[in-house]
All heavy atoms as atom14 arrays in JSON, in Angstrom:
{
  "sequence": "GLTNPKGQIRPMSALLDSAVFPGTQGGPLEHVIAAKAVAFGEAL",
  "atom14_mask": [
    [1, 1, 1, 1, 0, 0, 0, 0, 0, 0, 0, 0, 0, 0],
    [1, 1, 1, 1, 1, 1, 1, 1, 0, 0, 0, 0, 0, 0],
    [1, 1, 1, 1, 1, 1, 1, 0, 0, 0, 0, 0, 0, 0],
    [1, 1, 1, 1, 1, 1, 1, 1, 0, 0, 0, 0, 0, 0],
    [1, 1, 1, 1, 1, 1, 1, 0, 0, 0, 0, 0, 0, 0],
    [1, 1, 1, 1, 1, 1, 1, 1, 1, 0, 0, 0, 0, 0],
    [1, 1, 1, 1, 0, 0, 0, 0, 0, 0, 0, 0, 0, 0],
    [1, 1, 1, 1, 1, 1, 1, 1, 1, 0, 0, 0, 0, 0],
    [1, 1, 1, 1, 1, 1, 1, 1, 0, 0, 0, 0, 0, 0],
    [1, 1, 1, 1, 1, 1, 1, 1, 1, 1, 1, 0, 0, 0],
    [1, 1, 1, 1, 1, 1, 1, 0, 0, 0, 0, 0, 0, 0],
    [1, 1, 1, 1, 1, 1, 1, 1, 0, 0, 0, 0, 0, 0],
    [1, 1, 1, 1, 1, 1, 0, 0, 0, 0, 0, 0, 0, 0],
    [1, 1, 1, 1, 1, 0, 0, 0, 0, 0, 0, 0, 0, 0],
    [1, 1, 1, 1, 1, 1, 1, 1, 0, 0, 0, 0, 0, 0],
    [1, 1, 1, 1, 1, 1, 1, 1, 0, 0, 0, 0, 0, 0],
    [1, 1, 1, 1, 1, 1, 1, 1, 0, 0, 0, 0, 0, 0],
    [1, 1, 1, 1, 1, 1, 0, 0, 0, 0, 0, 0, 0, 0],
    [1, 1, 1, 1, 1, 0, 0, 0, 0, 0, 0, 0, 0, 0],
    [1, 1, 1, 1, 1, 1, 1, 0, 0, 0, 0, 0, 0, 0],
    [1, 1, 1, 1, 1, 1, 1, 1, 1, 1, 1, 0, 0, 0],
    [1, 1, 1, 1, 1, 1, 1, 0, 0, 0, 0, 0, 0, 0],
    [1, 1, 1, 1, 0, 0, 0, 0, 0, 0, 0, 0, 0, 0],
    [1, 1, 1, 1, 1, 1, 1, 0, 0, 0, 0, 0, 0, 0],
    [1, 1, 1, 1, 1, 1, 1, 1, 1, 0, 0, 0, 0, 0],
    [1, 1, 1, 1, 0, 0, 0, 0, 0, 0, 0, 0, 0, 0],
    [1, 1, 1, 1, 0, 0, 0, 0, 0, 0, 0, 0, 0, 0],
    [1, 1, 1, 1, 1, 1, 1, 0, 0, 0, 0, 0, 0, 0],
    [1, 1, 1, 1, 1, 1, 1, 1, 0, 0, 0, 0, 0, 0],
    [1, 1, 1, 1, 1, 1, 1, 1, 1, 0, 0, 0, 0, 0],
    [1, 1, 1, 1, 1, 1, 1, 1, 1, 1, 0, 0, 0, 0],
    [1, 1, 1, 1, 1, 1, 1, 0, 0, 0, 0, 0, 0, 0],
    [1, 1, 1, 1, 1, 1, 1, 1, 0, 0, 0, 0, 0, 0],
    [1, 1, 1, 1, 1, 0, 0, 0, 0, 0, 0, 0, 0, 0],
    [1, 1, 1, 1, 1, 0, 0, 0, 0, 0, 0, 0, 0, 0],
    [1, 1, 1, 1, 1, 1, 1, 1, 1, 0, 0, 0, 0, 0],
    [1, 1, 1, 1, 1, 0, 0, 0, 0, 0, 0, 0, 0, 0],
    [1, 1, 1, 1, 1, 1, 1, 0, 0, 0, 0, 0, 0, 0],
    [1, 1, 1, 1, 1, 0, 0, 0, 0, 0, 0, 0, 0, 0],
    [1, 1, 1, 1, 1, 1, 1, 1, 1, 1, 1, 0, 0, 0],
    [1, 1, 1, 1, 0, 0, 0, 0, 0, 0, 0, 0, 0, 0],
    [1, 1, 1, 1, 1, 1, 1, 1, 1, 0, 0, 0, 0, 0],
    [1, 1, 1, 1, 1, 0, 0, 0, 0, 0, 0, 0, 0, 0],
    [1, 1, 1, 1, 1, 1, 1, 1, 0, 0, 0, 0, 0, 0]
  ],
  "atom14_positions": [
    [[-2.06, 19.36, 2.4], [-2.29, 20.06, 1.15], [-1.44, 19.53, 0.0], [-1.28, 20.22, -1.02], [0.0, 0.0, 0.0], [0.0, 0.0, 0.0], [0.0, 0.0, 0.0], [0.0, 0.0, 0.0], [0.0, 0.0, 0.0], [0.0, 0.0, 0.0], [0.0, 0.0, 0.0], [0.0, 0.0, 0.0], [0.0, 0.0, 0.0], [0.0, 0.0, 0.0]],
    [[-0.91, 18.33, 0.11], [-0.07, 17.77, -0.95], [-0.94, 17.41, -2.15], [-2.02, 16.83, -2.0], [0.67, 16.53, -0.43], [1.65, 16.78, 0.73], [2.25, 15.48, 1.21], [2.73, 17.76, 0.31], [0.0, 0.0, 0.0], [0.0, 0.0, 0.0], [0.0, 0.0, 0.0], [0.0, 0.0, 0.0], [0.0, 0.0, 0.0], [0.0, 0.0, 0.0]],
    [[-0.45, 17.71, -3.33], [-1.23, 17.49, -4.55], [-0.52, 16.54, -5.5], [0.69, 16.31, -5.39], [-1.48, 18.82, -5.28], [-0.21, 19.39, -5.65], [-2.23, 19.8, -4.39], [0.0, 0.0, 0.0], [0.0, 0.0, 0.0], [0.0, 0.0, 0.0], [0.0, 0.0, 0.0], [0.0, 0.0, 0.0], [0.0, 0.0, 0.0], [0.0, 0.0, 0.0]],
    [[-1.27, 16.0, -6.44], [-0.69, 15.17, -7.5], [-0.31, 16.1, -8.67], [-0.54, 17.31, -8.63], [-1.67, 14.07, -7.92], [-2.97, 14.63, -8.49], [-3.04, 15.78, -8.91], [-4.0, 13.8, -8.52], [0.0, 0.0, 0.0], [0.0, 0.0, 0.0], [0.0, 0.0, 0.0], [0.0, 0.0, 0.0], [0.0, 0.0, 0.0], [0.0, 0.0, 0.0]],
    [[0.28, 15.53, -9.74], [0.69, 16.39, -10.87], [-0.43, 17.2, -11.49], [-0.18, 18.23, -12.14], [1.28, 15.38, -11.87], [1.77, 14.26, -11.01], [0.77, 14.15, -9.9], [0.0, 0.0, 0.0], [0.0, 0.0, 0.0], [0.0, 0.0, 0.0], [0.0, 0.0, 0.0], [0.0, 0.0, 0.0], [0.0, 0.0, 0.0], [0.0, 0.0, 0.0]],
    [[-1.68, 16.77, -11.31], [-2.81, 17.51, -11.86], [-3.31, 18.6, -10.92], [-4.3, 19.27, -11.2], [-3.95, 16.54, -12.17], [-3.63, 15.53, -13.26], [-4.82, 14.62, -13.54], [-4.51, 13.62, -14.64], [-5.66, 12.71, -14.91], [0.0, 0.0, 0.0], [0.0, 0.0, 0.0], [0.0, 0.0, 0.0], [0.0, 0.0, 0.0], [0.0, 0.0, 0.0]],
    [[-2.62, 18.76, -9.78], [-3.02, 19.79, -8.83], [-4.14, 19.37, -7.9], [-4.67, 20.2, -7.16], [0.0, 0.0, 0.0], [0.0, 0.0, 0.0], [0.0, 0.0, 0.0], [0.0, 0.0, 0.0], [0.0, 0.0, 0.0], [0.0, 0.0, 0.0], [0.0, 0.0, 0.0], [0.0, 0.0, 0.0], [0.0, 0.0, 0.0], [0.0, 0.0, 0.0]],
    [[-4.5, 18.09, -7.92], [-5.56, 17.59, -7.05], [-4.98, 17.19, -5.7], [-3.88, 16.64, -5.63], [-6.25, 16.39, -7.7], [-6.9, 16.7, -9.05], [-7.27, 15.44, -9.79], [-6.53, 14.45, -9.79], [-8.42, 15.46, -10.45], [0.0, 0.0, 0.0], [0.0, 0.0, 0.0], [0.0, 0.0, 0.0], [0.0, 0.0, 0.0], [0.0, 0.0, 0.0]],
    [[-5.72, 17.46, -4.63], [-5.27, 17.05, -3.29], [-5.19, 15.52, -3.24], [-6.14, 14.82, -3.6], [-6.25, 17.55, -2.2], [-6.26, 19.08, -2.17], [-5.86, 16.98, -0.85], [-4.99, 19.7, -1.64], [0.0, 0.0, 0.0], [0.0, 0.0, 0.0], [0.0, 0.0, 0.0], [0.0, 0.0, 0.0], [0.0, 0.0, 0.0], [0.0, 0.0, 0.0]],
    [[-4.06, 15.01, -2.83], [-3.88, 13.56, -2.77], [-4.55, 13.0, -1.53], [-4.36, 13.51, -0.42], [-2.39, 13.2, -2.74], [-1.61, 13.63, -3.96], [-0.17, 13.15, -3.87], [-0.08, 11.71, -4.03], [1.0, 11.0, -3.71], [2.05, 11.61, -3.18], [1.02, 9.7, -3.9], [0.0, 0.0, 0.0], [0.0, 0.0, 0.0], [0.0, 0.0, 0.0]],
    [[-5.34, 11.95, -1.67], [-5.96, 11.33, -0.49], [-4.9, 10.64, 0.37], [-3.81, 10.32, -0.1], [-6.94, 10.32, -1.09], [-6.35, 9.99, -2.42], [-5.7, 11.25, -2.91], [0.0, 0.0, 0.0], [0.0, 0.0, 0.0], [0.0, 0.0, 0.0], [0.0, 0.0, 0.0], [0.0, 0.0, 0.0], [0.0, 0.0, 0.0], [0.0, 0.0, 0.0]],
    [[-5.24, 10.42, 1.63], [-4.3, 9.79, 2.54], [-3.89, 8.4, 2.05], [-2.74, 7.97, 2.25], [-4.91, 9.7, 3.94], [-3.95, 9.14, 5.0], [-2.38, 10.03, 5.12], [-2.94, 11.62, 5.69], [0.0, 0.0, 0.0], [0.0, 0.0, 0.0], [0.0, 0.0, 0.0], [0.0, 0.0, 0.0], [0.0, 0.0, 0.0], [0.0, 0.0, 0.0]],
    [[-4.8, 7.67, 1.4], [-4.47, 6.34, 0.9], [-3.3, 6.39, -0.07], [-2.42, 5.52, -0.04], [-5.69, 5.7, 0.22], [-6.15, 6.52, -0.84], [0.0, 0.0, 0.0], [0.0, 0.0, 0.0], [0.0, 0.0, 0.0], [0.0, 0.0, 0.0], [0.0, 0.0, 0.0], [0.0, 0.0, 0.0], [0.0, 0.0, 0.0], [0.0, 0.0, 0.0]],
    [[-3.25, 7.41, -0.93], [-2.16, 7.53, -1.89], [-0.84, 7.83, -1.18], [0.21, 7.29, -1.54], [-2.47, 8.64, -2.9], [0.0, 0.0, 0.0], [0.0, 0.0, 0.0], [0.0, 0.0, 0.0], [0.0, 0.0, 0.0], [0.0, 0.0, 0.0], [0.0, 0.0, 0.0], [0.0, 0.0, 0.0], [0.0, 0.0, 0.0], [0.0, 0.0, 0.0]],
    [[-0.89, 8.66, -0.13], [0.33, 8.95, 0.63], [0.84, 7.7, 1.34], [2.04, 7.44, 1.39], [0.06, 10.06, 1.66], [-0.22, 11.46, 1.14], [-0.33, 12.43, 2.32], [0.86, 11.92, 0.18], [0.0, 0.0, 0.0], [0.0, 0.0, 0.0], [0.0, 0.0, 0.0], [0.0, 0.0, 0.0], [0.0, 0.0, 0.0], [0.0, 0.0, 0.0]],
    [[-0.08, 6.92, 1.9], [0.32, 5.7, 2.6], [0.87, 4.66, 1.64], [1.88, 4.01, 1.92], [-0.86, 5.14, 3.39], [-1.3, 5.97, 4.61], [-2.62, 5.47, 5.14], [-0.24, 5.93, 5.71], [0.0, 0.0, 0.0], [0.0, 0.0, 0.0], [0.0, 0.0, 0.0], [0.0, 0.0, 0.0], [0.0, 0.0, 0.0], [0.0, 0.0, 0.0]],
    [[0.21, 4.49, 0.49], [0.72, 3.55, -0.51], [2.15, 3.9, -0.91], [3.03, 3.03, -0.97], [-0.17, 3.55, -1.76], [-1.41, 2.67, -1.62], [-1.38, 1.72, -0.82], [-2.4, 2.94, -2.33], [0.0, 0.0, 0.0], [0.0, 0.0, 0.0], [0.0, 0.0, 0.0], [0.0, 0.0, 0.0], [0.0, 0.0, 0.0], [0.0, 0.0, 0.0]],
    [[2.38, 5.19, -1.18], [3.71, 5.59, -1.64], [4.73, 5.57, -0.5], [5.93, 5.46, -0.74], [3.66, 6.97, -2.28], [3.24, 7.95, -1.36], [0.0, 0.0, 0.0], [0.0, 0.0, 0.0], [0.0, 0.0, 0.0], [0.0, 0.0, 0.0], [0.0, 0.0, 0.0], [0.0, 0.0, 0.0], [0.0, 0.0, 0.0], [0.0, 0.0, 0.0]],
    [[4.26, 5.66, 0.74], [5.18, 5.57, 1.88], [5.65, 4.14, 2.09], [6.76, 3.91, 2.58], [4.51, 6.1, 3.14], [0.0, 0.0, 0.0], [0.0, 0.0, 0.0], [0.0, 0.0, 0.0], [0.0, 0.0, 0.0], [0.0, 0.0, 0.0], [0.0, 0.0, 0.0], [0.0, 0.0, 0.0], [0.0, 0.0, 0.0], [0.0, 0.0, 0.0]],
    [[4.81, 3.16, 1.7], [5.24, 1.76, 1.77], [6.23, 1.5, 0.64], [7.37, 1.08, 0.87], [4.03, 0.81, 1.67], [4.5, -0.65, 1.61], [3.09, 0.99, 2.86], [0.0, 0.0, 0.0], [0.0, 0.0, 0.0], [0.0, 0.0, 0.0], [0.0, 0.0, 0.0], [0.0, 0.0, 0.0], [0.0, 0.0, 0.0], [0.0, 0.0, 0.0]],
    [[5.8, 1.73, -0.6], [6.69, 1.64, -1.76], [6.47, 2.87, -2.63], [5.34, 3.18, -2.97], [6.41, 0.39, -2.6], [7.19, 0.39, -3.9], [8.52, 0.01, -3.91], [6.6, 0.84, -5.08], [9.24, 0.06, -5.1], [7.32, 0.89, -6.26], [8.65, 0.5, -6.27], [0.0, 0.0, 0.0], [0.0, 0.0, 0.0], [0.0, 0.0, 0.0]],
    [[7.52, 3.61, -2.91], [8.94, 3.32, -2.68], [9.51, 3.89, -1.39], [10.72, 3.85, -1.19], [9.59, 3.99, -3.88], [8.75, 5.2, -4.11], [7.33, 4.78, -3.8], [0.0, 0.0, 0.0], [0.0, 0.0, 0.0], [0.0, 0.0, 0.0], [0.0, 0.0, 0.0], [0.0, 0.0, 0.0], [0.0, 0.0, 0.0], [0.0, 0.0, 0.0]],
    [[8.64, 4.38, -0.49], [9.12, 5.13, 0.66], [9.97, 4.36, 1.64], [10.99, 4.86, 2.1], [0.0, 0.0, 0.0], [0.0, 0.0, 0.0], [0.0, 0.0, 0.0], [0.0, 0.0, 0.0], [0.0, 0.0, 0.0], [0.0, 0.0, 0.0], [0.0, 0.0, 0.0], [0.0, 0.0, 0.0], [0.0, 0.0, 0.0], [0.0, 0.0, 0.0]],
    [[9.55, 3.14, 1.99], [10.26, 2.43, 3.06], [10.72, 1.03, 2.68], [11.49, 0.42, 3.42], [9.38, 2.3, 4.32], [8.12, 1.71, 3.96], [9.12, 3.66, 4.96], [0.0, 0.0, 0.0], [0.0, 0.0, 0.0], [0.0, 0.0, 0.0], [0.0, 0.0, 0.0], [0.0, 0.0, 0.0], [0.0, 0.0, 0.0], [0.0, 0.0, 0.0]],
    [[10.22, 0.47, 1.57], [10.65, -0.87, 1.18], [10.5, -1.06, -0.32], [9.83, -0.27, -0.99], [9.86, -1.94, 1.95], [8.37, -1.93, 1.72], [7.62, -2.89, 2.66], [7.83, -2.93, 3.85], [6.73, -3.69, 2.08], [0.0, 0.0, 0.0], [0.0, 0.0, 0.0], [0.0, 0.0, 0.0], [0.0, 0.0, 0.0], [0.0, 0.0, 0.0]],
    [[11.15, -2.11, -0.82], [11.11, -2.4, -2.25], [10.05, -3.42, -2.59], [8.87, -3.25, -2.24], [0.0, 0.0, 0.0], [0.0, 0.0, 0.0], [0.0, 0.0, 0.0], [0.0, 0.0, 0.0], [0.0, 0.0, 0.0], [0.0, 0.0, 0.0], [0.0, 0.0, 0.0], [0.0, 0.0, 0.0], [0.0, 0.0, 0.0], [0.0, 0.0, 0.0]],
    [[10.44, -4.49, -3.25], [9.48, -5.48, -3.71], [8.75, -6.16, -2.57], [9.36, -6.57, -1.58], [0.0, 0.0, 0.0], [0.0, 0.0, 0.0], [0.0, 0.0, 0.0], [0.0, 0.0, 0.0], [0.0, 0.0, 0.0], [0.0, 0.0, 0.0], [0.0, 0.0, 0.0], [0.0, 0.0, 0.0], [0.0, 0.0, 0.0], [0.0, 0.0, 0.0]],
    [[7.43, -6.29, -2.68], [6.66, -6.98, -1.64], [6.95, -8.48, -1.65], [7.35, -9.05, -2.66], [5.21, -6.69, -2.03], [5.25, -6.47, -3.51], [6.57, -5.82, -3.78], [0.0, 0.0, 0.0], [0.0, 0.0, 0.0], [0.0, 0.0, 0.0], [0.0, 0.0, 0.0], [0.0, 0.0, 0.0], [0.0, 0.0, 0.0], [0.0, 0.0, 0.0]],
    [[6.76, -9.09, -0.5], [6.97, -10.54, -0.35], [5.67, -11.24, -0.74], [4.78, -11.46, 0.09], [7.36, -10.86, 1.09], [8.54, -10.05, 1.65], [8.79, -10.4, 3.11], [9.79, -10.28, 0.81], [0.0, 0.0, 0.0], [0.0, 0.0, 0.0], [0.0, 0.0, 0.0], [0.0, 0.0, 0.0], [0.0, 0.0, 0.0], [0.0, 0.0, 0.0]],
    [[5.55, -11.58, -2.02], [4.26, -12.07, -2.52], [3.9, -13.45, -1.97], [2.72, -13.8, -1.88], [4.25, -12.09, -4.04], [4.24, -10.69, -4.67], [2.98, -9.9, -4.38], [1.96, -10.5, -4.0], [3.0, -8.66, -4.54], [0.0, 0.0, 0.0], [0.0, 0.0, 0.0], [0.0, 0.0, 0.0], [0.0, 0.0, 0.0], [0.0, 0.0, 0.0]],
    [[4.89, -14.24, -1.56], [4.57, -15.52, -0.91], [3.96, -15.28, 0.47], [3.04, -15.99, 0.88], [5.8, -16.42, -0.81], [6.94, -15.81, -0.07], [7.52, -14.61, -0.42], [7.63, -16.24, 1.02], [8.5, -14.33, 0.42], [8.58, -15.31, 1.31], [0.0, 0.0, 0.0], [0.0, 0.0, 0.0], [0.0, 0.0, 0.0], [0.0, 0.0, 0.0]],
    [[4.44, -14.25, 1.17], [3.87, -13.91, 2.47], [2.48, -13.3, 2.28], [1.56, -13.57, 3.06], [4.8, -12.94, 3.23], [4.17, -12.55, 4.57], [6.16, -13.58, 3.45], [0.0, 0.0, 0.0], [0.0, 0.0, 0.0], [0.0, 0.0, 0.0], [0.0, 0.0, 0.0], [0.0, 0.0, 0.0], [0.0, 0.0, 0.0], [0.0, 0.0, 0.0]],
    [[2.31, -12.48, 1.24], [0.99, -11.9, 0.98], [-0.02, -12.99, 0.64], [-1.19, -12.93, 1.06], [1.09, -10.84, -0.14], [1.84, -9.61, 0.38], [-0.29, -10.44, -0.66], [2.15, -8.57, -0.67], [0.0, 0.0, 0.0], [0.0, 0.0, 0.0], [0.0, 0.0, 0.0], [0.0, 0.0, 0.0], [0.0, 0.0, 0.0], [0.0, 0.0, 0.0]],
    [[0.4, -14.01, -0.09], [-0.49, -15.15, -0.36], [-0.89, -15.83, 0.95], [-2.05, -16.2, 1.15], [0.2, -16.14, -1.29], [0.0, 0.0, 0.0], [0.0, 0.0, 0.0], [0.0, 0.0, 0.0], [0.0, 0.0, 0.0], [0.0, 0.0, 0.0], [0.0, 0.0, 0.0], [0.0, 0.0, 0.0], [0.0, 0.0, 0.0], [0.0, 0.0, 0.0]],
    [[0.09, -15.98, 1.86], [-0.21, -16.59, 3.15], [-1.11, -15.68, 4.0], [-1.97, -16.16, 4.74], [1.1, -16.88, 3.9], [0.0, 0.0, 0.0], [0.0, 0.0, 0.0], [0.0, 0.0, 0.0], [0.0, 0.0, 0.0], [0.0, 0.0, 0.0], [0.0, 0.0, 0.0], [0.0, 0.0, 0.0], [0.0, 0.0, 0.0], [0.0, 0.0, 0.0]],
    [[-0.93, -14.36, 3.88], [-1.84, -13.43, 4.55], [-3.27, -13.62, 4.04], [-4.23, -13.64, 4.84], [-1.4, -11.98, 4.32], [-0.13, -11.56, 5.03], [0.26, -10.12, 4.64], [1.57, -9.7, 5.28], [1.99, -8.33, 4.9], [0.0, 0.0, 0.0], [0.0, 0.0, 0.0], [0.0, 0.0, 0.0], [0.0, 0.0, 0.0], [0.0, 0.0, 0.0]],
    [[-3.42, -13.77, 2.73], [-4.75, -13.97, 2.16], [-5.41, -15.21, 2.75], [-6.6, -15.22, 3.08], [-4.67, -14.07, 0.64], [0.0, 0.0, 0.0], [0.0, 0.0, 0.0], [0.0, 0.0, 0.0], [0.0, 0.0, 0.0], [0.0, 0.0, 0.0], [0.0, 0.0, 0.0], [0.0, 0.0, 0.0], [0.0, 0.0, 0.0], [0.0, 0.0, 0.0]],
    [[-4.63, -16.28, 2.88], [-5.14, -17.52, 3.48], [-5.58, -17.27, 4.92], [-6.67, -17.66, 5.35], [-4.09, -18.64, 3.42], [-4.57, -19.87, 4.19], [-3.78, -19.02, 1.98], [0.0, 0.0, 0.0], [0.0, 0.0, 0.0], [0.0, 0.0, 0.0], [0.0, 0.0, 0.0], [0.0, 0.0, 0.0], [0.0, 0.0, 0.0], [0.0, 0.0, 0.0]],
    [[-4.71, -16.61, 5.69], [-5.01, -16.37, 7.1], [-6.24, -15.48, 7.27], [-7.08, -15.71, 8.15], [-3.81, -15.73, 7.79], [0.0, 0.0, 0.0], [0.0, 0.0, 0.0], [0.0, 0.0, 0.0], [0.0, 0.0, 0.0], [0.0, 0.0, 0.0], [0.0, 0.0, 0.0], [0.0, 0.0, 0.0], [0.0, 0.0, 0.0], [0.0, 0.0, 0.0]],
    [[-6.38, -14.45, 6.42], [-7.56, -13.59, 6.51], [-8.82, -14.39, 6.19], [-9.87, -14.17, 6.8], [-7.43, -12.4, 5.56], [-6.22, -11.52, 5.81], [-5.69, -10.76, 4.78], [-5.62, -11.46, 7.06], [-4.58, -9.95, 4.98], [-4.51, -10.65, 7.28], [-3.99, -9.91, 6.24], [0.0, 0.0, 0.0], [0.0, 0.0, 0.0], [0.0, 0.0, 0.0]],
    [[-8.71, -15.29, 5.23], [-9.85, -16.15, 4.91], [-10.22, -17.04, 6.09], [-11.41, -17.24, 6.38], [0.0, 0.0, 0.0], [0.0, 0.0, 0.0], [0.0, 0.0, 0.0], [0.0, 0.0, 0.0], [0.0, 0.0, 0.0], [0.0, 0.0, 0.0], [0.0, 0.0, 0.0], [0.0, 0.0, 0.0], [0.0, 0.0, 0.0], [0.0, 0.0, 0.0]],
    [[-9.21, -17.56, 6.78], [-9.49, -18.38, 7.97], [-10.15, -17.54, 9.06], [-11.08, -18.0, 9.74], [-8.18, -18.96, 8.5], [-7.56, -20.02, 7.59], [-6.22, -20.54, 8.08], [-5.62, -19.91, 8.99], [-5.76, -21.56, 7.56], [0.0, 0.0, 0.0], [0.0, 0.0, 0.0], [0.0, 0.0, 0.0], [0.0, 0.0, 0.0], [0.0, 0.0, 0.0]],
    [[-9.68, -16.3, 9.23], [-10.21, -15.44, 10.29], [-11.64, -15.0, 10.03], [-12.33, -14.55, 10.95], [-9.31, -14.22, 10.47], [0.0, 0.0, 0.0], [0.0, 0.0, 0.0], [0.0, 0.0, 0.0], [0.0, 0.0, 0.0], [0.0, 0.0, 0.0], [0.0, 0.0, 0.0], [0.0, 0.0, 0.0], [0.0, 0.0, 0.0], [0.0, 0.0, 0.0]],
    [[-12.09, -15.11, 8.78], [-13.48, -14.77, 8.45], [-14.45, -15.89, 8.79], [-15.67, -15.69, 8.72], [-13.59, -14.43, 6.95], [-13.06, -13.05, 6.55], [-12.86, -12.98, 5.03], [-13.98, -11.94, 7.03], [0.0, 0.0, 0.0], [0.0, 0.0, 0.0], [0.0, 0.0, 0.0], [0.0, 0.0, 0.0], [0.0, 0.0, 0.0], [0.0, 0.0, 0.0]]
  ]
}
């Protein structure tokens, strides 16, 4: 039943996004994310 400032029920995606940042880590490793994008492309 968690809501946003407008009183709307927050979807699970919003809770998960905020649990990654700022919940458990800071700046993402964008060089690793670029490499993830390459690997996902290969896996397709």
